Amino acid sequence: MAHHETAQTSLPQTRDDLLALHRETRRQRNQAPHGSEAHVAAIDLLGRIEVEIARIERAMDPPLG
C-alpha cells in the first residue's frame, strides 16, 4: 500500500530540501484523483514534511530568557 511505503520513506534533513519536497508533494497531491491512494499518501507525506520543517525551525529559534 502506498500509505505504508510513504510512512517508511526517510525525509531530507535540511529545511531547503524539505521545502522542495513539500512543493513536489503538493503538486502530486493536486494531480491525484481526490480520495485515491496517491492522494491520501501525498497528504500523509505533507504532514510528515511539515512536522520536520517545524522541528528544524524550532531548533533555529534562540532560547527565551
Protein backbone atom coordinates (compact mmCIF):
# COMPACT_ATOMS: atom_id res chain seq x y z
CA MET A 1 0.00 0.00 0.00
CA ALA A 2 1.31 3.46 -0.85
CA HIS A 3 0.43 4.82 2.61
CA HIS A 4 2.73 2.37 4.38
CA GLU A 5 5.54 2.86 1.88
CA THR A 6 5.37 6.62 2.39
CA ALA A 7 5.46 6.25 6.17
CA GLN A 8 8.77 4.39 5.91
CA THR A 9 10.44 6.81 3.49
CA SER A 10 13.15 8.87 5.16
CA LEU A 11 12.92 12.62 4.76
CA PRO A 12 15.64 15.10 3.85
CA GLN A 13 17.33 16.74 6.81
CA THR A 14 17.64 20.32 5.58
CA ARG A 15 14.89 22.91 5.54
CA ASP A 16 15.53 23.82 1.89
CA ASP A 17 15.32 20.18 0.78
CA LEU A 18 12.16 19.67 2.82
CA LEU A 19 10.56 22.75 1.25
CA ALA A 20 11.41 21.45 -2.24
CA LEU A 21 9.93 18.05 -1.38
CA HIS A 22 6.84 19.79 0.04
CA ARG A 23 6.31 21.69 -3.26
CA GLU A 24 6.67 18.49 -5.29
CA THR A 25 4.37 16.53 -2.98
CA ARG A 26 1.71 19.27 -3.18
CA ARG A 27 1.91 19.05 -6.97
CA GLN A 28 1.47 15.27 -6.82
CA ARG A 29 -1.46 15.60 -4.40
CA ASN A 30 -3.15 18.14 -6.63
CA GLN A 31 -2.79 15.91 -9.70
CA ALA A 32 -4.04 12.74 -7.99
CA PRO A 33 -7.76 11.90 -8.08
CA HIS A 34 -9.41 13.01 -4.85
CA GLY A 35 -9.55 10.15 -2.35
CA SER A 36 -7.21 7.88 -4.34
CA GLU A 37 -4.32 6.06 -2.67
CA ALA A 38 -1.89 8.53 -4.26
CA HIS A 39 -3.90 11.47 -2.91
CA VAL A 40 -4.05 10.04 0.61
CA ALA A 41 -0.34 9.13 0.55
CA ALA A 42 0.59 12.65 -0.54
CA ILE A 43 -1.49 14.16 2.27
CA ASP A 44 0.24 11.87 4.76
CA LEU A 45 3.67 12.78 3.43
CA LEU A 46 2.84 16.50 3.52
CA GLY A 47 2.04 16.19 7.20
CA ARG A 48 5.32 14.42 7.92
CA ILE A 49 7.26 17.04 5.96
CA GLU A 50 5.55 19.89 7.82
CA VAL A 51 6.40 18.33 11.19
CA GLU A 52 10.07 18.08 10.18
CA ILE A 53 10.13 21.68 8.93
CA ALA A 54 8.63 22.82 12.25
CA ARG A 55 11.21 20.77 14.19
CA ILE A 56 14.06 22.40 12.28
CA GLU A 57 12.59 25.88 12.66
CA ARG A 58 12.11 25.43 16.42
CA ALA A 59 15.75 24.44 16.72
CA MET A 60 16.72 27.65 14.90
CA ASP A 61 14.95 29.89 17.45
CA PRO A 62 17.12 31.22 20.27
CA PRO A 63 16.03 30.15 23.76
CA LEU A 64 13.74 32.55 25.63
CA GLY A 65 15.06 34.32 28.69
